[in-house]
N, C-alpha and C. Protein backbone atom coordinates (compact mmCIF):
# COMPACT_ATOMS: atom_id res chain seq x y z
N MET A 1 12.98 -13.62 22.55
CA MET A 1 11.73 -14.80 22.01
C MET A 1 10.53 -13.10 20.89
N SER A 2 10.25 -13.01 20.05
CA SER A 2 9.61 -11.63 19.55
C SER A 2 8.35 -12.82 18.38
N PHE A 3 7.35 -11.80 18.92
CA PHE A 3 6.30 -11.90 18.40
C PHE A 3 6.13 -12.26 16.91
N LYS A 4 5.86 -11.63 16.27
CA LYS A 4 4.57 -10.73 14.94
C LYS A 4 3.50 -10.90 15.49
N ALA A 5 2.99 -9.83 15.28
CA ALA A 5 1.02 -9.50 15.55
C ALA A 5 0.19 -9.07 14.05
N GLU A 6 -0.16 -10.39 13.69
CA GLU A 6 -1.76 -10.44 12.81
C GLU A 6 -2.86 -10.23 12.82
N ILE A 7 -2.85 -9.62 12.06
CA ILE A 7 -4.48 -8.61 11.90
C ILE A 7 -5.66 -10.09 10.71
N HIS A 8 -6.55 -10.64 11.75
CA HIS A 8 -6.68 -11.37 10.56
C HIS A 8 -8.14 -11.05 10.02
N SER A 9 -8.50 -9.96 10.56
CA SER A 9 -9.80 -9.24 10.71
C SER A 9 -10.44 -8.48 11.39
N VAL A 10 -11.62 -6.86 10.57
CA VAL A 10 -11.23 -5.55 11.51
C VAL A 10 -12.88 -5.71 10.97
N ILE A 11 -13.67 -5.94 12.28
CA ILE A 11 -15.25 -5.09 12.29
C ILE A 11 -14.94 -2.98 12.84
N VAL A 12 -15.76 -2.49 11.79
CA VAL A 12 -15.94 -1.23 12.25
C VAL A 12 -17.48 -1.40 12.15
N ASN A 13 -17.05 -1.33 13.02
CA ASN A 13 -18.63 -0.47 14.27
C ASN A 13 -19.47 0.89 13.64
N TYR A 14 -20.81 0.77 13.20
CA TYR A 14 -21.37 1.80 12.74
C TYR A 14 -23.09 1.93 13.20
N LYS A 15 -23.06 3.27 13.50
CA LYS A 15 -24.97 3.52 13.86
C LYS A 15 -24.97 4.37 13.10
N CYS A 16 -26.51 4.10 12.90
CA CYS A 16 -27.44 4.81 12.48
C CYS A 16 -27.97 6.15 12.87
N PRO A 17 -27.75 7.89 12.36
CA PRO A 17 -28.68 8.85 12.88
C PRO A 17 -29.44 8.54 13.13
N ASN A 18 -30.12 8.19 12.60
CA ASN A 18 -32.10 8.02 12.55
C ASN A 18 -32.13 7.26 13.81
N CYS A 19 -32.30 6.49 13.24
CA CYS A 19 -32.82 4.08 14.20
C CYS A 19 -31.62 4.49 15.80
N PHE A 20 -30.79 4.75 15.33
CA PHE A 20 -28.84 4.64 16.85
C PHE A 20 -28.75 3.01 16.53
N LEU A 21 -29.00 2.54 15.37
CA LEU A 21 -29.25 0.87 15.36
C LEU A 21 -27.41 0.78 15.03
N THR A 22 -26.90 -0.32 15.77
CA THR A 22 -25.68 -0.50 15.78
C THR A 22 -25.33 -1.36 14.36
N PHE A 23 -24.87 -0.94 12.94
CA PHE A 23 -24.40 -1.95 12.46
C PHE A 23 -22.57 -2.69 12.53
N GLN A 24 -22.54 -3.39 11.80
CA GLN A 24 -21.03 -4.00 11.55
C GLN A 24 -20.43 -3.30 10.11
N LEU A 25 -19.62 -3.17 9.18
CA LEU A 25 -18.51 -3.34 8.18
C LEU A 25 -17.37 -4.79 8.22
N GLN A 26 -16.94 -5.68 7.89
CA GLN A 26 -16.09 -6.29 8.04
C GLN A 26 -14.89 -5.51 7.69
N GLU A 27 -15.16 -5.30 6.68
CA GLU A 27 -13.96 -3.95 6.22
C GLU A 27 -13.30 -2.64 6.43
N ILE A 28 -12.93 -2.43 6.32
CA ILE A 28 -12.75 -0.79 6.76
C ILE A 28 -12.01 0.19 5.40
N PRO A 29 -13.85 1.14 4.83
CA PRO A 29 -13.82 1.03 4.01
C PRO A 29 -12.96 1.76 3.33
N THR A 30 -13.12 2.69 2.09
CA THR A 30 -11.08 2.77 1.49
C THR A 30 -11.39 3.83 0.06
N GLU A 31 -13.19 3.07 0.24
CA GLU A 31 -14.39 4.99 -1.03
C GLU A 31 -15.26 4.66 -0.32
N LYS A 32 -16.28 5.85 -0.79
CA LYS A 32 -17.09 6.26 -0.22
C LYS A 32 -18.57 5.02 -1.45
N PHE A 33 -19.62 4.62 -0.32
CA PHE A 33 -20.44 3.72 -0.87
C PHE A 33 -22.26 3.54 -0.33
N LYS A 34 -22.80 3.51 -0.98
CA LYS A 34 -24.24 3.30 0.48
C LYS A 34 -24.44 2.22 0.94
N HIS A 35 -24.77 2.49 2.24
CA HIS A 35 -25.59 1.61 3.14
C HIS A 35 -27.31 1.84 3.58
N LYS A 36 -27.69 0.42 3.15
CA LYS A 36 -29.42 0.42 3.42
C LYS A 36 -29.47 0.02 5.15
N CYS A 37 -29.80 0.79 6.36
CA CYS A 37 -30.16 0.56 7.64
C CYS A 37 -31.51 -0.46 7.74
N ASN A 38 -31.51 -1.57 8.60
CA ASN A 38 -31.53 -2.46 8.40
C ASN A 38 -32.97 -2.68 9.54
N SER A 39 -33.36 -1.36 9.87
CA SER A 39 -33.64 -1.31 11.02
C SER A 39 -34.88 0.22 10.61
N CYS A 40 -34.62 1.72 9.78
CA CYS A 40 -34.73 1.91 9.75
C CYS A 40 -34.71 1.94 7.94
N TRP A 41 -34.92 1.28 6.93
CA TRP A 41 -34.39 1.83 5.51
C TRP A 41 -33.82 3.00 4.91
N GLU A 42 -33.69 3.36 5.97
CA GLU A 42 -32.72 4.80 6.21
C GLU A 42 -31.74 4.23 4.96
N LYS A 43 -31.56 5.60 4.19
CA LYS A 43 -30.16 5.23 2.93
C LYS A 43 -28.59 5.94 3.40
N LEU A 44 -28.03 5.21 4.53
CA LEU A 44 -26.02 6.51 4.76
C LEU A 44 -25.69 6.45 3.84
N THR A 45 -24.63 7.32 4.26
CA THR A 45 -23.86 7.27 2.45
C THR A 45 -22.21 7.25 3.35
N ILE A 46 -21.59 6.04 3.44
CA ILE A 46 -20.39 6.18 4.81
C ILE A 46 -19.40 6.53 4.02
N GLU A 47 -18.58 7.74 4.24
CA GLU A 47 -17.54 8.13 4.63
C GLU A 47 -16.41 7.12 4.21
N PRO A 48 -15.21 7.05 3.70
CA PRO A 48 -14.07 6.02 3.83
C PRO A 48 -12.82 6.43 4.95
N LEU A 49 -13.31 6.01 5.67
CA LEU A 49 -12.14 5.55 7.32
C LEU A 49 -10.50 6.08 6.60
N VAL A 50 -10.05 5.72 5.31
CA VAL A 50 -8.74 5.83 4.96
C VAL A 50 -8.58 5.99 3.94
N GLU A 51 -7.85 6.82 3.04
CA GLU A 51 -8.12 6.47 2.10
C GLU A 51 -6.80 6.27 1.06
N GLN A 52 -6.83 5.68 0.19
CA GLN A 52 -5.69 5.67 -0.93
C GLN A 52 -4.57 6.21 -1.25
N LYS A 53 -3.19 6.22 -1.27
CA LYS A 53 -2.63 6.66 -2.14
C LYS A 53 -2.75 6.33 -3.16
N GLN A 54 -2.23 7.99 -4.33
CA GLN A 54 -2.07 7.72 -5.34
C GLN A 54 -1.03 8.09 -6.22
N THR A 55 -0.22 6.40 -6.72
CA THR A 55 1.23 6.32 -6.51
C THR A 55 1.57 7.27 -8.02
N ALA A 56 2.16 8.03 -8.24
CA ALA A 56 2.96 8.32 -8.97
C ALA A 56 2.76 6.82 -10.46
N ARG A 57 3.41 6.54 -11.45
CA ARG A 57 2.65 5.97 -12.56
C ARG A 57 4.24 6.98 -13.28
N ASN A 58 6.22 5.77 -13.03
CA ASN A 58 5.96 6.52 -13.76
C ASN A 58 7.37 5.51 -15.03
N LYS A 59 6.97 6.21 -15.66
CA LYS A 59 7.58 4.11 -17.09
C LYS A 59 8.47 3.72 -16.77
N ASN A 60 9.59 4.76 -15.93
CA ASN A 60 11.61 4.04 -15.56
C ASN A 60 11.27 3.96 -14.86
N VAL A 61 9.71 4.17 -13.94
CA VAL A 61 11.07 3.69 -12.79
C VAL A 61 9.81 1.47 -12.48
N GLU A 62 8.51 1.78 -12.99
CA GLU A 62 8.92 -0.13 -13.13
C GLU A 62 9.10 -0.27 -14.81
N ARG A 63 10.37 -0.04 -15.61
CA ARG A 63 10.85 -0.77 -16.04
C ARG A 63 11.89 -0.58 -15.22
N ALA A 64 12.60 0.20 -14.37
CA ALA A 64 13.45 -0.81 -13.80
C ALA A 64 13.22 -1.93 -12.60
N ILE A 65 11.84 -1.62 -12.52
CA ILE A 65 11.24 -2.62 -11.43
C ILE A 65 11.42 -3.05 -12.35
N LYS A 66 10.78 -3.94 -13.36
CA LYS A 66 11.57 -5.01 -13.92
C LYS A 66 12.48 -6.04 -14.63
N SER A 67 13.31 -4.97 -14.43
CA SER A 67 14.68 -4.86 -14.79
C SER A 67 15.30 -6.00 -13.56
N LEU A 68 14.83 -5.10 -12.50
CA LEU A 68 15.64 -5.47 -11.24
C LEU A 68 14.84 -7.80 -10.69
N ILE A 69 13.43 -7.31 -11.81
CA ILE A 69 12.91 -8.67 -10.69
C ILE A 69 13.69 -9.74 -11.83
N GLY A 70 14.06 -9.03 -13.80
CA GLY A 70 14.73 -9.36 -14.15
C GLY A 70 16.40 -10.10 -13.86
N LEU A 71 16.35 -9.63 -12.80
CA LEU A 71 18.17 -9.95 -12.40
C LEU A 71 17.63 -11.55 -11.52
N GLY A 72 16.91 -11.09 -10.68
CA GLY A 72 16.62 -12.55 -9.19
C GLY A 72 15.73 -11.45 -8.23
N TRP A 73 15.78 -10.49 -8.76
CA TRP A 73 15.44 -9.95 -6.98
C TRP A 73 13.04 -9.91 -6.75
N THR A 74 13.37 -10.07 -5.87
CA THR A 74 11.95 -10.49 -5.56
C THR A 74 10.71 -8.96 -5.58
N LYS A 75 9.63 -8.89 -6.24
CA LYS A 75 8.96 -8.12 -6.63
C LYS A 75 9.65 -6.57 -5.82
N SER A 76 8.55 -7.11 -4.34
CA SER A 76 8.51 -6.34 -3.01
C SER A 76 9.50 -6.24 -3.29
N ASP A 77 10.68 -6.39 -3.01
CA ASP A 77 12.26 -6.31 -2.86
C ASP A 77 12.35 -5.29 -3.74
N CYS A 78 11.86 -5.07 -5.25
CA CYS A 78 11.77 -4.07 -5.86
C CYS A 78 11.62 -3.41 -6.36
N LYS A 79 10.32 -3.07 -5.28
CA LYS A 79 9.21 -1.22 -5.09
C LYS A 79 10.14 -1.01 -4.20
N SER A 80 10.86 -1.63 -3.38
CA SER A 80 11.11 -0.60 -1.77
C SER A 80 12.49 -0.68 -2.29
N MET A 81 13.44 -0.71 -3.49
CA MET A 81 15.09 -0.40 -3.50
C MET A 81 14.01 0.53 -4.00
N VAL A 82 13.94 0.97 -5.03
CA VAL A 82 13.41 1.68 -5.67
C VAL A 82 12.35 3.19 -5.23
N LYS A 83 11.60 2.91 -4.27
CA LYS A 83 11.04 3.83 -3.02
C LYS A 83 11.98 4.77 -2.64
N SER A 84 13.66 3.54 -1.94
CA SER A 84 13.65 4.55 -0.81
C SER A 84 14.81 5.24 -1.41
N ILE A 85 14.36 5.57 -3.11
CA ILE A 85 15.87 6.52 -3.74
C ILE A 85 14.88 7.83 -4.50
N ASP A 86 15.11 8.46 -4.64
CA ASP A 86 14.74 9.76 -5.31
C ASP A 86 14.78 10.08 -6.81
N THR A 87 13.35 9.79 -7.59
CA THR A 87 13.44 8.49 -8.99
C THR A 87 13.42 9.65 -10.14
N ALA A 88 13.36 11.55 -9.64
CA ALA A 88 12.70 12.27 -10.47
C ALA A 88 14.11 12.24 -11.38
N GLY A 89 13.07 12.07 -12.51
CA GLY A 89 14.31 13.55 -13.85
C GLY A 89 15.15 11.33 -14.10
N LYS A 90 15.40 10.98 -13.41
CA LYS A 90 15.85 9.59 -14.00
C LYS A 90 15.80 9.22 -15.17
N SER A 91 16.81 8.07 -14.46
CA SER A 91 16.17 7.46 -16.93
C SER A 91 16.55 6.06 -15.43
N VAL A 92 15.94 5.51 -16.70
CA VAL A 92 15.97 3.74 -15.34
C VAL A 92 17.35 2.90 -15.49
N LYS A 93 18.76 3.64 -16.20
CA LYS A 93 20.34 3.18 -15.73
C LYS A 93 20.39 3.23 -14.29
N GLU A 94 20.27 4.95 -13.89
CA GLU A 94 19.62 6.08 -13.11
C GLU A 94 19.20 5.08 -12.07
N ILE A 95 18.54 4.11 -12.33
CA ILE A 95 17.00 4.46 -11.57
C ILE A 95 18.35 3.32 -10.87
N ILE A 96 18.37 1.98 -11.88
CA ILE A 96 18.86 0.44 -11.03
C ILE A 96 19.98 0.64 -10.88
N MET A 97 21.13 1.37 -11.40
CA MET A 97 22.16 1.72 -10.18
C MET A 97 21.79 2.40 -8.57
N LEU A 98 21.40 3.28 -9.00
CA LEU A 98 21.61 3.86 -7.33
C LEU A 98 20.43 2.24 -6.67
N SER A 99 19.33 2.22 -6.50
CA SER A 99 18.61 1.63 -5.61
C SER A 99 19.78 0.21 -5.46
N LEU A 100 20.28 -0.40 -6.43
CA LEU A 100 21.45 -1.56 -6.09
C LEU A 100 22.60 -0.80 -4.74
N GLN A 101 23.21 0.20 -5.21
CA GLN A 101 24.08 0.52 -5.05
C GLN A 101 22.60 1.36 -3.46
N ASN A 102 22.02 1.35 -3.11
CA ASN A 102 21.29 1.69 -1.47
C ASN A 102 21.75 0.62 -1.15
N LYS A 103 21.58 -0.45 -1.93
CA LYS A 103 20.61 -1.60 -1.80
C LYS A 103 22.01 -1.91 -0.55
N GLY A 104 23.81 -2.31 -0.94
CA GLY A 104 24.05 -2.19 -0.88
C GLY A 104 24.87 -1.99 0.33
N ASN A 105 24.67 -0.38 0.46
CA ASN A 105 25.29 0.11 1.54
C ASN A 105 24.38 -0.51 2.75
N ASN A 106 22.92 -0.25 2.89
CA ASN A 106 21.61 -0.87 3.79
C ASN A 106 21.92 -2.47 4.02
N ASP A 107 22.48 -3.48 3.28
CA ASP A 107 22.30 -5.07 3.86
C ASP A 107 23.60 -4.98 3.69
N THR A 108 23.91 -6.22 4.36
CA THR A 108 24.81 -6.59 4.41
C THR A 108 25.57 -7.70 3.85
N LYS A 109 24.50 -8.38 3.00
CA LYS A 109 24.45 -9.41 2.50
C LYS A 109 24.77 -9.27 0.88
N THR A 110 24.40 -8.14 0.74
CA THR A 110 25.07 -7.23 -0.17
C THR A 110 25.08 -6.55 -0.65
N LYS A 111 26.81 -7.36 -1.80
CA LYS A 111 27.65 -6.26 -2.13
C LYS A 111 27.66 -5.13 -3.29
N ILE A 112 27.94 -4.66 -3.41
CA ILE A 112 27.66 -3.52 -4.80
C ILE A 112 29.25 -3.84 -5.43
N PHE A 113 29.46 -4.33 -6.78
CA PHE A 113 31.23 -3.94 -6.75
C PHE A 113 31.22 -2.51 -7.64
């Protein structure tokens, strides 16, 4: 029997460098923002703990994903299929064919003829 762990909420503790009051944030910060301490009213700059990835926007990749969605695949499946191949300098047709071939090689339920 296997169980899948789920994260319901994340609380991040911070300590003010002036008065050492501890305050909590409900979410992990992904970008820099300002926060005012409730005790000493000092304006604090909180740096991001996690940086968001800069995704390369490629029109051929987006068109291939939309075409795969049109073929009946879910959006998450399409994105994972396209991410699993090298898309640099390839046409939409090549991206679709390579992603379907790769899906067929990795999945026993999908057969590509």
